[in-house]
Amino acid sequence: SVRKAYNEVIKKIEERELQLPICLVSLMITVLMGFWLVGSDMQMILRWYLVLLLLGIVGLPITNVTLGEFGNLGYVFSKVIGLFVTSFIMWLLSFWHILEFSVVNCIVVVGILGILIYCISFAINHNKGDVSDVFGRIIGFHNYSLDKLITFEIVFLLIFVLINWYLGQHIPGNGTERLMNISFMKSIDKSVYMSPYDSWAANECINYYY
């Protein structure tokens, strides 16, 4: 009967047999909804999301050390930690004129930092317990639930899509500080090193927040 089938599905969900497939289907629905809301801009949003996901993976060992006791909730901060560590190091290297501020150098810095972070974590954890489980201890795999992690990613992507869709409805560059923000972004894009060139003062750099 229908009720019997319904009860079996509920039982499987409670036993986590169907939670992962449901999460994956929800992720696909979120992506499709994004294409429906923002059209081809969803491709750019997905690229941003994948970059943030990569930075979150880079920051996982640090997250495990600092926020591992919070379990799944600690994972939420992995993107913030990864973004902060990599971007701050890249900014310092550019500010000291060691590396030019470019996409290629950003990728190189993220890659090197990721390798260093995981190598240091491996050196710390390789003598603790079974060697085959070193990677799990590095990222704190035992602290996380896979279905909950996917749920967090779905919620993050959904909010990310909705924010971009909402901001896309307010395109005119007037009000608040939008013109100054555009100027900052163009200066950052054209500058070889940090701090960026000042749009209002020739041969000077921006000496305040950007």
N, C-alpha and C. Protein backbone atom coordinates (compact mmCIF):
# COMPACT_ATOMS: atom_id res chain seq x y z
N SER A 1 0.84 -1.19 0.00
CA SER A 1 0.00 0.00 0.00
C SER A 1 0.88 1.24 0.00
N VAL A 2 0.23 2.39 -0.26
CA VAL A 2 0.95 3.65 -0.30
C VAL A 2 1.53 3.97 1.07
N ARG A 3 0.75 3.74 2.11
CA ARG A 3 1.22 4.05 3.46
C ARG A 3 2.42 3.18 3.84
N LYS A 4 2.39 1.91 3.43
CA LYS A 4 3.49 1.01 3.73
C LYS A 4 4.77 1.47 3.03
N ALA A 5 4.64 1.88 1.76
CA ALA A 5 5.79 2.38 1.02
C ALA A 5 6.33 3.66 1.65
N TYR A 6 5.38 4.51 2.09
CA TYR A 6 5.77 5.76 2.75
C TYR A 6 6.55 5.48 4.02
N ASN A 7 6.07 4.54 4.82
CA ASN A 7 6.74 4.20 6.07
C ASN A 7 8.13 3.62 5.82
N GLU A 8 8.28 2.84 4.73
CA GLU A 8 9.59 2.26 4.41
C GLU A 8 10.58 3.36 4.01
N VAL A 9 10.09 4.35 3.26
CA VAL A 9 10.95 5.47 2.86
C VAL A 9 11.40 6.25 4.09
N ILE A 10 10.45 6.54 4.99
CA ILE A 10 10.77 7.27 6.21
C ILE A 10 11.78 6.50 7.04
N LYS A 11 11.61 5.18 7.11
CA LYS A 11 12.53 4.34 7.88
C LYS A 11 13.93 4.40 7.29
N LYS A 12 14.02 4.36 5.95
CA LYS A 12 15.32 4.41 5.30
C LYS A 12 15.99 5.78 5.51
N ILE A 13 15.17 6.83 5.50
CA ILE A 13 15.72 8.16 5.75
C ILE A 13 16.27 8.24 7.16
N GLU A 14 15.51 7.71 8.13
CA GLU A 14 15.97 7.72 9.52
C GLU A 14 17.23 6.89 9.69
N GLU A 15 17.38 5.84 8.88
CA GLU A 15 18.57 5.00 8.95
C GLU A 15 19.70 5.53 8.07
N ARG A 16 19.46 6.70 7.48
CA ARG A 16 20.46 7.39 6.63
C ARG A 16 20.77 6.67 5.33
N GLU A 17 19.91 5.76 4.93
CA GLU A 17 20.14 5.07 3.67
C GLU A 17 19.80 5.96 2.48
N LEU A 18 18.87 6.89 2.68
CA LEU A 18 18.43 7.74 1.57
C LEU A 18 18.85 9.20 1.74
N GLN A 19 19.51 9.52 2.84
CA GLN A 19 19.84 10.92 3.08
C GLN A 19 20.81 11.46 2.04
N LEU A 20 21.84 10.69 1.69
CA LEU A 20 22.82 11.15 0.70
C LEU A 20 22.17 11.36 -0.67
N PRO A 21 21.39 10.39 -1.20
CA PRO A 21 20.71 10.63 -2.48
C PRO A 21 19.80 11.85 -2.44
N ILE A 22 19.08 12.03 -1.33
CA ILE A 22 18.19 13.18 -1.21
C ILE A 22 18.99 14.48 -1.25
N CYS A 23 20.14 14.50 -0.57
CA CYS A 23 21.00 15.69 -0.57
C CYS A 23 21.51 15.99 -1.98
N LEU A 24 21.91 14.96 -2.71
CA LEU A 24 22.43 15.16 -4.06
C LEU A 24 21.35 15.67 -5.01
N VAL A 25 20.14 15.13 -4.87
CA VAL A 25 19.01 15.60 -5.68
C VAL A 25 18.71 17.06 -5.33
N SER A 26 18.76 17.40 -4.04
CA SER A 26 18.51 18.78 -3.61
C SER A 26 19.56 19.72 -4.20
N LEU A 27 20.80 19.25 -4.27
CA LEU A 27 21.87 20.06 -4.85
C LEU A 27 21.60 20.33 -6.33
N MET A 28 21.17 19.30 -7.06
CA MET A 28 20.85 19.46 -8.48
C MET A 28 19.69 20.43 -8.66
N ILE A 29 18.68 20.33 -7.80
CA ILE A 29 17.52 21.24 -7.89
C ILE A 29 17.96 22.68 -7.64
N THR A 30 18.88 22.87 -6.67
CA THR A 30 19.39 24.21 -6.37
C THR A 30 20.11 24.81 -7.57
N VAL A 31 20.94 23.99 -8.23
CA VAL A 31 21.67 24.46 -9.41
C VAL A 31 20.70 24.82 -10.54
N LEU A 32 19.72 23.95 -10.78
CA LEU A 32 18.74 24.22 -11.84
C LEU A 32 17.92 25.47 -11.52
N MET A 33 17.56 25.65 -10.26
CA MET A 33 16.82 26.84 -9.86
C MET A 33 17.67 28.09 -10.09
N GLY A 34 19.00 27.96 -9.84
CA GLY A 34 19.90 29.08 -10.08
C GLY A 34 19.93 29.48 -11.54
N PHE A 35 19.99 28.50 -12.44
CA PHE A 35 19.96 28.80 -13.88
C PHE A 35 18.65 29.46 -14.26
N TRP A 36 17.56 29.05 -13.61
CA TRP A 36 16.25 29.64 -13.90
C TRP A 36 16.18 31.08 -13.42
N LEU A 37 16.80 31.38 -12.27
CA LEU A 37 16.73 32.73 -11.70
C LEU A 37 17.68 33.71 -12.38
N VAL A 38 18.92 33.29 -12.60
CA VAL A 38 19.94 34.24 -13.08
C VAL A 38 20.46 33.91 -14.47
N GLY A 39 19.95 32.84 -15.08
CA GLY A 39 20.34 32.52 -16.45
C GLY A 39 21.80 32.10 -16.55
N SER A 40 22.48 32.61 -17.57
CA SER A 40 23.87 32.22 -17.82
C SER A 40 24.83 32.71 -16.73
N ASP A 41 24.39 33.70 -15.93
CA ASP A 41 25.24 34.18 -14.82
C ASP A 41 25.49 33.07 -13.81
N MET A 42 24.66 32.03 -13.84
CA MET A 42 24.84 30.92 -12.90
C MET A 42 26.18 30.24 -13.11
N GLN A 43 26.70 30.27 -14.34
CA GLN A 43 28.02 29.69 -14.60
C GLN A 43 29.10 30.41 -13.82
N MET A 44 29.01 31.75 -13.77
CA MET A 44 29.97 32.54 -13.00
C MET A 44 29.80 32.27 -11.51
N ILE A 45 28.55 32.17 -11.05
CA ILE A 45 28.28 31.89 -9.63
C ILE A 45 28.86 30.53 -9.25
N LEU A 46 28.72 29.54 -10.13
CA LEU A 46 29.27 28.21 -9.84
C LEU A 46 30.79 28.25 -9.78
N ARG A 47 31.42 29.05 -10.63
CA ARG A 47 32.88 29.19 -10.57
C ARG A 47 33.30 29.80 -9.24
N TRP A 48 32.58 30.83 -8.82
CA TRP A 48 32.85 31.44 -7.51
C TRP A 48 32.68 30.41 -6.41
N TYR A 49 31.60 29.64 -6.50
CA TYR A 49 31.32 28.64 -5.46
C TYR A 49 32.43 27.59 -5.41
N LEU A 50 32.88 27.12 -6.57
CA LEU A 50 33.92 26.10 -6.60
C LEU A 50 35.24 26.64 -6.04
N VAL A 51 35.54 27.92 -6.30
CA VAL A 51 36.75 28.54 -5.73
C VAL A 51 36.63 28.58 -4.21
N LEU A 52 35.47 28.99 -3.71
CA LEU A 52 35.26 29.04 -2.26
C LEU A 52 35.31 27.64 -1.64
N LEU A 53 34.79 26.65 -2.38
CA LEU A 53 34.85 25.27 -1.90
C LEU A 53 36.30 24.81 -1.81
N LEU A 54 37.10 25.15 -2.82
CA LEU A 54 38.52 24.80 -2.80
C LEU A 54 39.24 25.46 -1.63
N LEU A 55 38.95 26.74 -1.40
CA LEU A 55 39.56 27.45 -0.28
C LEU A 55 39.13 26.84 1.05
N GLY A 56 37.88 26.35 1.10
CA GLY A 56 37.41 25.68 2.30
C GLY A 56 38.17 24.39 2.56
N ILE A 57 38.50 23.66 1.49
CA ILE A 57 39.28 22.43 1.63
C ILE A 57 40.69 22.75 2.12
N VAL A 58 41.26 23.86 1.59
CA VAL A 58 42.58 24.28 2.05
C VAL A 58 42.56 24.61 3.54
N GLY A 59 41.46 25.21 3.99
CA GLY A 59 41.36 25.62 5.39
C GLY A 59 40.87 24.55 6.34
N LEU A 60 40.52 23.35 5.82
CA LEU A 60 39.96 22.30 6.69
C LEU A 60 40.89 21.88 7.83
N PRO A 61 42.20 21.65 7.57
CA PRO A 61 43.07 21.25 8.69
C PRO A 61 43.11 22.29 9.81
N ILE A 62 43.13 23.58 9.43
CA ILE A 62 43.14 24.64 10.44
C ILE A 62 41.81 24.65 11.17
N THR A 63 40.72 24.47 10.42
CA THR A 63 39.39 24.42 11.02
C THR A 63 39.29 23.26 12.01
N ASN A 64 39.87 22.12 11.63
CA ASN A 64 39.82 20.94 12.50
C ASN A 64 40.55 21.19 13.81
N VAL A 65 41.68 21.92 13.74
CA VAL A 65 42.46 22.20 14.95
C VAL A 65 41.76 23.23 15.83
N THR A 66 41.23 24.28 15.22
CA THR A 66 40.68 25.40 15.99
C THR A 66 39.22 25.21 16.37
N LEU A 67 38.43 24.56 15.48
CA LEU A 67 36.99 24.45 15.72
C LEU A 67 36.49 23.01 15.64
N GLY A 68 37.41 22.04 15.72
CA GLY A 68 37.03 20.64 15.58
C GLY A 68 36.02 20.18 16.61
N GLU A 69 36.06 20.77 17.80
CA GLU A 69 35.15 20.33 18.86
C GLU A 69 33.70 20.70 18.57
N PHE A 70 33.49 21.60 17.61
CA PHE A 70 32.13 21.98 17.25
C PHE A 70 31.52 21.05 16.20
N GLY A 71 32.29 20.06 15.74
CA GLY A 71 31.78 19.07 14.80
C GLY A 71 31.36 19.70 13.48
N ASN A 72 30.15 19.36 13.02
CA ASN A 72 29.67 19.85 11.73
C ASN A 72 29.61 21.37 11.67
N LEU A 73 29.31 22.01 12.80
CA LEU A 73 29.22 23.47 12.81
C LEU A 73 30.59 24.10 12.55
N GLY A 74 31.66 23.42 12.96
CA GLY A 74 32.99 23.94 12.69
C GLY A 74 33.30 24.00 11.21
N TYR A 75 32.75 23.03 10.46
CA TYR A 75 32.99 22.98 9.01
C TYR A 75 32.49 24.24 8.32
N VAL A 76 31.44 24.85 8.85
CA VAL A 76 30.85 26.03 8.24
C VAL A 76 31.89 27.14 8.08
N PHE A 77 32.86 27.20 8.99
CA PHE A 77 33.85 28.28 8.98
C PHE A 77 35.07 27.96 8.13
N SER A 78 35.12 26.77 7.52
CA SER A 78 36.31 26.39 6.76
C SER A 78 36.54 27.32 5.57
N LYS A 79 35.48 27.75 4.91
CA LYS A 79 35.63 28.67 3.76
C LYS A 79 36.18 30.01 4.22
N VAL A 80 35.67 30.50 5.34
CA VAL A 80 36.13 31.79 5.86
C VAL A 80 37.61 31.72 6.23
N ILE A 81 37.98 30.64 6.92
CA ILE A 81 39.38 30.47 7.34
C ILE A 81 40.29 30.32 6.12
N GLY A 82 39.89 29.48 5.16
CA GLY A 82 40.69 29.29 3.96
C GLY A 82 40.84 30.57 3.16
N LEU A 83 39.75 31.32 3.02
CA LEU A 83 39.78 32.59 2.28
C LEU A 83 40.67 33.60 2.99
N PHE A 84 40.55 33.68 4.32
CA PHE A 84 41.34 34.65 5.08
C PHE A 84 42.83 34.35 4.98
N VAL A 85 43.21 33.10 5.22
CA VAL A 85 44.63 32.74 5.24
C VAL A 85 45.26 32.97 3.87
N THR A 86 44.64 32.46 2.82
CA THR A 86 45.24 32.56 1.48
C THR A 86 45.27 34.00 0.97
N SER A 87 44.17 34.73 1.16
CA SER A 87 44.12 36.10 0.64
C SER A 87 45.06 37.02 1.42
N PHE A 88 45.19 36.81 2.73
CA PHE A 88 46.07 37.66 3.53
C PHE A 88 47.53 37.43 3.15
N ILE A 89 47.91 36.16 2.95
CA ILE A 89 49.29 35.87 2.54
C ILE A 89 49.55 36.46 1.16
N MET A 90 48.59 36.31 0.23
CA MET A 90 48.76 36.87 -1.10
C MET A 90 48.88 38.39 -1.04
N TRP A 91 48.08 39.02 -0.19
CA TRP A 91 48.13 40.47 -0.05
C TRP A 91 49.49 40.91 0.50
N LEU A 92 49.99 40.20 1.51
CA LEU A 92 51.30 40.54 2.08
C LEU A 92 52.41 40.44 1.04
N LEU A 93 52.42 39.34 0.28
CA LEU A 93 53.45 39.13 -0.74
C LEU A 93 53.39 40.23 -1.80
N SER A 94 52.18 40.66 -2.14
CA SER A 94 52.03 41.73 -3.13
C SER A 94 52.39 43.08 -2.52
N PHE A 95 52.00 43.30 -1.27
CA PHE A 95 52.31 44.57 -0.59
C PHE A 95 53.81 44.76 -0.43
N TRP A 96 54.52 43.66 -0.20
CA TRP A 96 55.99 43.72 -0.07
C TRP A 96 56.69 43.65 -1.43
N HIS A 97 55.92 43.65 -2.51
CA HIS A 97 56.44 43.61 -3.88
C HIS A 97 57.25 42.33 -4.15
N ILE A 98 56.87 41.24 -3.50
CA ILE A 98 57.50 39.95 -3.76
C ILE A 98 56.84 39.26 -4.94
N LEU A 99 55.50 39.34 -5.00
CA LEU A 99 54.72 38.76 -6.10
C LEU A 99 53.75 39.78 -6.64
N GLU A 100 53.59 39.77 -7.96
CA GLU A 100 52.57 40.63 -8.55
C GLU A 100 51.18 40.09 -8.23
N PHE A 101 50.23 41.00 -8.10
CA PHE A 101 48.85 40.60 -7.81
C PHE A 101 48.17 40.20 -9.11
N SER A 102 48.09 38.89 -9.34
CA SER A 102 47.51 38.37 -10.58
C SER A 102 46.79 37.06 -10.29
N VAL A 103 45.96 36.64 -11.22
CA VAL A 103 45.22 35.39 -11.07
C VAL A 103 46.16 34.20 -10.94
N VAL A 104 47.18 34.18 -11.80
CA VAL A 104 48.13 33.06 -11.78
C VAL A 104 48.84 32.97 -10.44
N ASN A 105 49.31 34.11 -9.93
CA ASN A 105 50.01 34.11 -8.65
C ASN A 105 49.09 33.74 -7.49
N CYS A 106 47.82 34.15 -7.58
CA CYS A 106 46.85 33.76 -6.56
C CYS A 106 46.69 32.24 -6.54
N ILE A 107 46.60 31.63 -7.72
CA ILE A 107 46.47 30.17 -7.81
C ILE A 107 47.71 29.49 -7.25
N VAL A 108 48.89 30.04 -7.58
CA VAL A 108 50.15 29.46 -7.08
C VAL A 108 50.21 29.54 -5.55
N VAL A 109 49.83 30.70 -5.00
CA VAL A 109 49.88 30.88 -3.54
C VAL A 109 48.91 29.93 -2.85
N VAL A 110 47.70 29.79 -3.39
CA VAL A 110 46.72 28.87 -2.80
C VAL A 110 47.25 27.44 -2.85
N GLY A 111 47.83 27.06 -3.98
CA GLY A 111 48.37 25.70 -4.11
C GLY A 111 49.50 25.42 -3.13
N ILE A 112 50.45 26.36 -3.04
CA ILE A 112 51.59 26.18 -2.14
C ILE A 112 51.13 26.15 -0.68
N LEU A 113 50.24 27.08 -0.32
CA LEU A 113 49.74 27.11 1.05
C LEU A 113 48.97 25.84 1.39
N GLY A 114 48.17 25.36 0.42
CA GLY A 114 47.43 24.11 0.66
C GLY A 114 48.38 22.95 0.92
N ILE A 115 49.43 22.84 0.10
CA ILE A 115 50.41 21.76 0.28
C ILE A 115 51.11 21.89 1.64
N LEU A 116 51.51 23.12 1.99
CA LEU A 116 52.19 23.35 3.27
C LEU A 116 51.30 22.99 4.46
N ILE A 117 50.04 23.45 4.40
CA ILE A 117 49.12 23.19 5.50
C ILE A 117 48.90 21.70 5.69
N TYR A 118 48.70 20.98 4.59
CA TYR A 118 48.45 19.54 4.69
C TYR A 118 49.72 18.78 5.08
N CYS A 119 50.90 19.25 4.62
CA CYS A 119 52.16 18.59 5.01
C CYS A 119 52.43 18.76 6.50
N ILE A 120 52.19 19.98 7.01
CA ILE A 120 52.38 20.22 8.44
C ILE A 120 51.40 19.38 9.25
N SER A 121 50.15 19.32 8.78
CA SER A 121 49.14 18.52 9.48
C SER A 121 49.51 17.04 9.45
N PHE A 122 50.07 16.59 8.32
CA PHE A 122 50.49 15.19 8.22
C PHE A 122 51.62 14.90 9.20
N ALA A 123 52.59 15.83 9.29
CA ALA A 123 53.72 15.65 10.21
C ALA A 123 53.24 15.57 11.65
N ILE A 124 52.18 16.31 11.97
CA ILE A 124 51.66 16.31 13.33
C ILE A 124 50.87 15.04 13.63
N ASN A 125 50.15 14.53 12.62
CA ASN A 125 49.20 13.44 12.86
C ASN A 125 49.69 12.05 12.49
N HIS A 126 50.82 11.93 11.78
CA HIS A 126 51.17 10.62 11.24
C HIS A 126 51.57 9.61 12.32
N ASN A 127 51.92 10.10 13.50
CA ASN A 127 52.29 9.19 14.59
C ASN A 127 51.13 8.89 15.54
N LYS A 128 49.98 9.45 15.23
CA LYS A 128 48.83 9.27 16.11
C LYS A 128 47.89 8.21 15.53
N GLY A 129 47.95 7.01 16.04
CA GLY A 129 47.03 5.97 15.59
C GLY A 129 47.42 5.36 14.27
N ASP A 130 46.44 4.77 13.58
CA ASP A 130 46.65 4.05 12.34
C ASP A 130 47.10 5.00 11.24
N VAL A 131 48.17 4.64 10.54
CA VAL A 131 48.70 5.49 9.47
C VAL A 131 47.67 5.65 8.34
N SER A 132 46.90 4.61 8.07
CA SER A 132 45.90 4.66 6.99
C SER A 132 44.81 5.68 7.26
N ASP A 133 44.70 6.14 8.51
CA ASP A 133 43.65 7.08 8.87
C ASP A 133 44.19 8.49 9.08
N VAL A 134 45.41 8.74 8.60
CA VAL A 134 46.03 10.05 8.82
C VAL A 134 45.20 11.15 8.18
N PHE A 135 44.80 10.95 6.93
CA PHE A 135 44.05 11.98 6.21
C PHE A 135 42.75 12.32 6.94
N GLY A 136 42.08 11.29 7.45
CA GLY A 136 40.84 11.52 8.20
C GLY A 136 41.07 12.38 9.43
N ARG A 137 42.21 12.18 10.10
CA ARG A 137 42.51 12.99 11.29
C ARG A 137 42.91 14.41 10.89
N ILE A 138 43.56 14.56 9.73
CA ILE A 138 43.98 15.89 9.29
C ILE A 138 42.78 16.79 9.07
N ILE A 139 41.78 16.31 8.36
CA ILE A 139 40.62 17.14 8.04
C ILE A 139 39.50 16.99 9.07
N GLY A 140 39.72 16.13 10.06
CA GLY A 140 38.69 15.94 11.08
C GLY A 140 37.49 15.20 10.56
N PHE A 141 37.73 14.23 9.67
CA PHE A 141 36.62 13.53 9.02
C PHE A 141 35.66 12.91 10.02
N HIS A 142 36.20 12.42 11.15
CA HIS A 142 35.36 11.75 12.13
C HIS A 142 34.44 12.73 12.86
N ASN A 143 34.73 14.03 12.74
CA ASN A 143 33.89 15.03 13.39
C ASN A 143 32.68 15.41 12.55
N TYR A 144 32.68 15.00 11.28
CA TYR A 144 31.66 15.47 10.36
C TYR A 144 30.74 14.34 9.90
N SER A 145 29.55 14.74 9.51
CA SER A 145 28.58 13.82 8.92
C SER A 145 28.41 14.22 7.46
N LEU A 146 28.65 13.31 6.52
CA LEU A 146 28.67 13.64 5.10
C LEU A 146 27.36 14.27 4.64
N ASP A 147 26.23 13.70 5.06
CA ASP A 147 24.95 14.25 4.62
C ASP A 147 24.74 15.67 5.15
N LYS A 148 25.22 15.94 6.36
CA LYS A 148 25.08 17.29 6.90
C LYS A 148 26.01 18.26 6.19
N LEU A 149 27.20 17.79 5.82
CA LEU A 149 28.11 18.66 5.07
C LEU A 149 27.51 19.05 3.73
N ILE A 150 26.90 18.09 3.05
CA ILE A 150 26.26 18.38 1.77
C ILE A 150 25.09 19.34 1.98
N THR A 151 24.36 19.15 3.08
CA THR A 151 23.26 20.06 3.40
C THR A 151 23.76 21.47 3.60
N PHE A 152 24.88 21.62 4.33
CA PHE A 152 25.48 22.94 4.52
C PHE A 152 25.85 23.56 3.17
N GLU A 153 26.44 22.75 2.28
CA GLU A 153 26.85 23.27 0.97
C GLU A 153 25.64 23.69 0.15
N ILE A 154 24.55 22.93 0.24
CA ILE A 154 23.33 23.28 -0.49
C ILE A 154 22.78 24.61 0.02
N VAL A 155 22.72 24.76 1.34
CA VAL A 155 22.21 26.00 1.94
C VAL A 155 23.09 27.18 1.55
N PHE A 156 24.42 26.97 1.60
CA PHE A 156 25.36 28.04 1.23
C PHE A 156 25.15 28.45 -0.23
N LEU A 157 25.09 27.46 -1.13
CA LEU A 157 24.91 27.76 -2.55
C LEU A 157 23.58 28.43 -2.81
N LEU A 158 22.53 27.97 -2.13
CA LEU A 158 21.20 28.57 -2.30
C LEU A 158 21.21 30.03 -1.88
N ILE A 159 21.79 30.33 -0.72
CA ILE A 159 21.86 31.71 -0.25
C ILE A 159 22.71 32.54 -1.20
N PHE A 160 23.81 31.97 -1.68
CA PHE A 160 24.71 32.65 -2.61
C PHE A 160 23.97 33.02 -3.89
N VAL A 161 23.18 32.09 -4.41
CA VAL A 161 22.41 32.34 -5.63
C VAL A 161 21.36 33.43 -5.39
N LEU A 162 20.64 33.33 -4.28
CA LEU A 162 19.56 34.30 -3.99
C LEU A 162 20.13 35.70 -3.78
N ILE A 163 21.28 35.81 -3.12
CA ILE A 163 21.89 37.13 -2.93
C ILE A 163 22.28 37.74 -4.27
N ASN A 164 22.89 36.92 -5.15
CA ASN A 164 23.27 37.42 -6.48
C ASN A 164 22.05 37.79 -7.30
N TRP A 165 20.99 37.00 -7.18
CA TRP A 165 19.76 37.32 -7.91
C TRP A 165 19.17 38.63 -7.40
N TYR A 166 19.15 38.80 -6.08
CA TYR A 166 18.58 40.02 -5.49
C TYR A 166 19.38 41.25 -5.91
N LEU A 167 20.71 41.16 -5.80
CA LEU A 167 21.55 42.30 -6.18
C LEU A 167 21.44 42.59 -7.67
N GLY A 168 21.18 41.54 -8.46
CA GLY A 168 21.03 41.74 -9.90
C GLY A 168 19.79 42.52 -10.27
N GLN A 169 18.83 42.63 -9.33
CA GLN A 169 17.62 43.40 -9.59
C GLN A 169 17.83 44.89 -9.33
N HIS A 170 19.00 45.24 -8.77
CA HIS A 170 19.29 46.64 -8.43
C HIS A 170 20.60 47.04 -9.12
N ILE A 171 20.53 47.09 -10.45
CA ILE A 171 21.72 47.29 -11.26
C ILE A 171 22.20 48.74 -11.32
N PRO A 172 21.33 49.77 -11.35
CA PRO A 172 21.81 51.15 -11.53
C PRO A 172 22.91 51.52 -10.54
N GLY A 173 23.97 52.15 -11.05
CA GLY A 173 25.12 52.50 -10.21
C GLY A 173 24.93 53.82 -9.50
N ASN A 174 23.86 53.96 -8.74
CA ASN A 174 23.67 55.18 -7.97
C ASN A 174 23.28 54.83 -6.54
N GLY A 175 23.44 55.76 -5.64
CA GLY A 175 23.13 55.51 -4.25
C GLY A 175 24.28 54.85 -3.53
N THR A 176 24.29 55.00 -2.23
CA THR A 176 25.31 54.45 -1.32
C THR A 176 26.72 54.74 -1.86
N GLU A 177 27.56 53.71 -1.99
CA GLU A 177 28.96 53.94 -2.40
C GLU A 177 29.31 53.12 -3.64
N ARG A 178 28.34 52.86 -4.51
CA ARG A 178 28.57 51.95 -5.63
C ARG A 178 29.62 52.49 -6.60
N LEU A 179 29.57 53.78 -6.89
CA LEU A 179 30.55 54.34 -7.83
C LEU A 179 31.96 54.23 -7.26
N MET A 180 32.10 54.48 -5.94
CA MET A 180 33.42 54.35 -5.33
C MET A 180 33.87 52.88 -5.32
N ASN A 181 32.92 51.96 -5.09
CA ASN A 181 33.27 50.53 -5.11
C ASN A 181 33.76 50.11 -6.48
N ILE A 182 33.08 50.60 -7.52
CA ILE A 182 33.51 50.30 -8.89
C ILE A 182 34.91 50.83 -9.13
N SER A 183 35.17 52.04 -8.64
CA SER A 183 36.50 52.65 -8.79
C SER A 183 37.55 51.80 -8.08
N PHE A 184 37.24 51.33 -6.87
CA PHE A 184 38.17 50.48 -6.13
C PHE A 184 38.48 49.21 -6.90
N MET A 185 37.44 48.58 -7.41
CA MET A 185 37.63 47.30 -8.12
C MET A 185 38.46 47.50 -9.39
N LYS A 186 38.22 48.59 -10.10
CA LYS A 186 39.02 48.86 -11.31
C LYS A 186 40.47 49.13 -10.94
N SER A 187 40.68 49.83 -9.83
CA SER A 187 42.05 50.12 -9.39
C SER A 187 42.78 48.84 -9.01
N ILE A 188 42.09 47.96 -8.27
CA ILE A 188 42.69 46.68 -7.88
C ILE A 188 43.01 45.86 -9.12
N ASP A 189 42.10 45.88 -10.11
CA ASP A 189 42.30 45.09 -11.32
C ASP A 189 43.50 45.58 -12.13
N LYS A 190 43.73 46.88 -12.11
CA LYS A 190 44.81 47.46 -12.93
C LYS A 190 46.15 47.54 -12.18
N SER A 191 46.12 47.38 -10.86
CA SER A 191 47.34 47.52 -10.07
C SER A 191 48.17 46.24 -10.12
N VAL A 192 49.48 46.39 -10.21
CA VAL A 192 50.39 45.25 -10.24
C VAL A 192 50.67 44.77 -8.82
N TYR A 193 50.79 45.73 -7.90
CA TYR A 193 51.05 45.40 -6.50
C TYR A 193 50.01 46.10 -5.62
N MET A 194 49.89 45.63 -4.39
CA MET A 194 49.06 46.29 -3.40
C MET A 194 49.93 47.31 -2.65
N SER A 195 49.40 48.45 -2.24
CA SER A 195 48.03 48.90 -2.32
C SER A 195 47.71 49.41 -3.72
N PRO A 196 46.42 49.37 -4.10
CA PRO A 196 46.03 49.77 -5.45
C PRO A 196 46.25 51.27 -5.69
N TYR A 197 46.30 51.65 -6.97
CA TYR A 197 46.41 53.05 -7.33
C TYR A 197 45.15 53.80 -6.90
N ASP A 198 45.35 55.05 -6.50
CA ASP A 198 44.22 55.88 -6.09
C ASP A 198 43.62 56.55 -7.34
N SER A 199 42.34 56.39 -7.53
CA SER A 199 41.67 56.93 -8.73
C SER A 199 41.60 58.45 -8.71
N TRP A 200 41.69 59.05 -7.52
CA TRP A 200 41.53 60.50 -7.42
C TRP A 200 42.85 61.24 -7.21
N ALA A 201 43.91 60.51 -6.93
CA ALA A 201 45.21 61.16 -6.68
C ALA A 201 46.27 60.46 -7.54
N ALA A 202 46.73 61.16 -8.58
CA ALA A 202 47.68 60.58 -9.52
C ALA A 202 48.98 60.18 -8.82
N ASN A 203 49.49 59.01 -9.19
CA ASN A 203 50.76 58.48 -8.66
C ASN A 203 50.71 58.19 -7.16
N GLU A 204 49.53 58.12 -6.61
CA GLU A 204 49.37 57.77 -5.20
C GLU A 204 48.60 56.45 -5.08
N CYS A 205 48.76 55.81 -3.93
CA CYS A 205 48.04 54.55 -3.66
C CYS A 205 46.90 54.81 -2.67
N ILE A 206 45.90 53.97 -2.73
CA ILE A 206 44.79 54.09 -1.79
C ILE A 206 45.31 53.82 -0.37
N ASN A 207 45.11 54.74 0.52
CA ASN A 207 45.63 54.61 1.88
C ASN A 207 44.52 54.38 2.90
N TYR A 208 43.37 53.93 2.43
CA TYR A 208 42.27 53.61 3.33
C TYR A 208 41.61 52.33 2.83
N TYR A 209 40.51 51.94 3.43
CA TYR A 209 39.94 50.63 3.16
C TYR A 209 39.61 50.41 1.68
N TYR A 210 39.94 49.22 1.20
CA TYR A 210 39.58 48.83 -0.16
C TYR A 210 39.30 47.35 -0.23
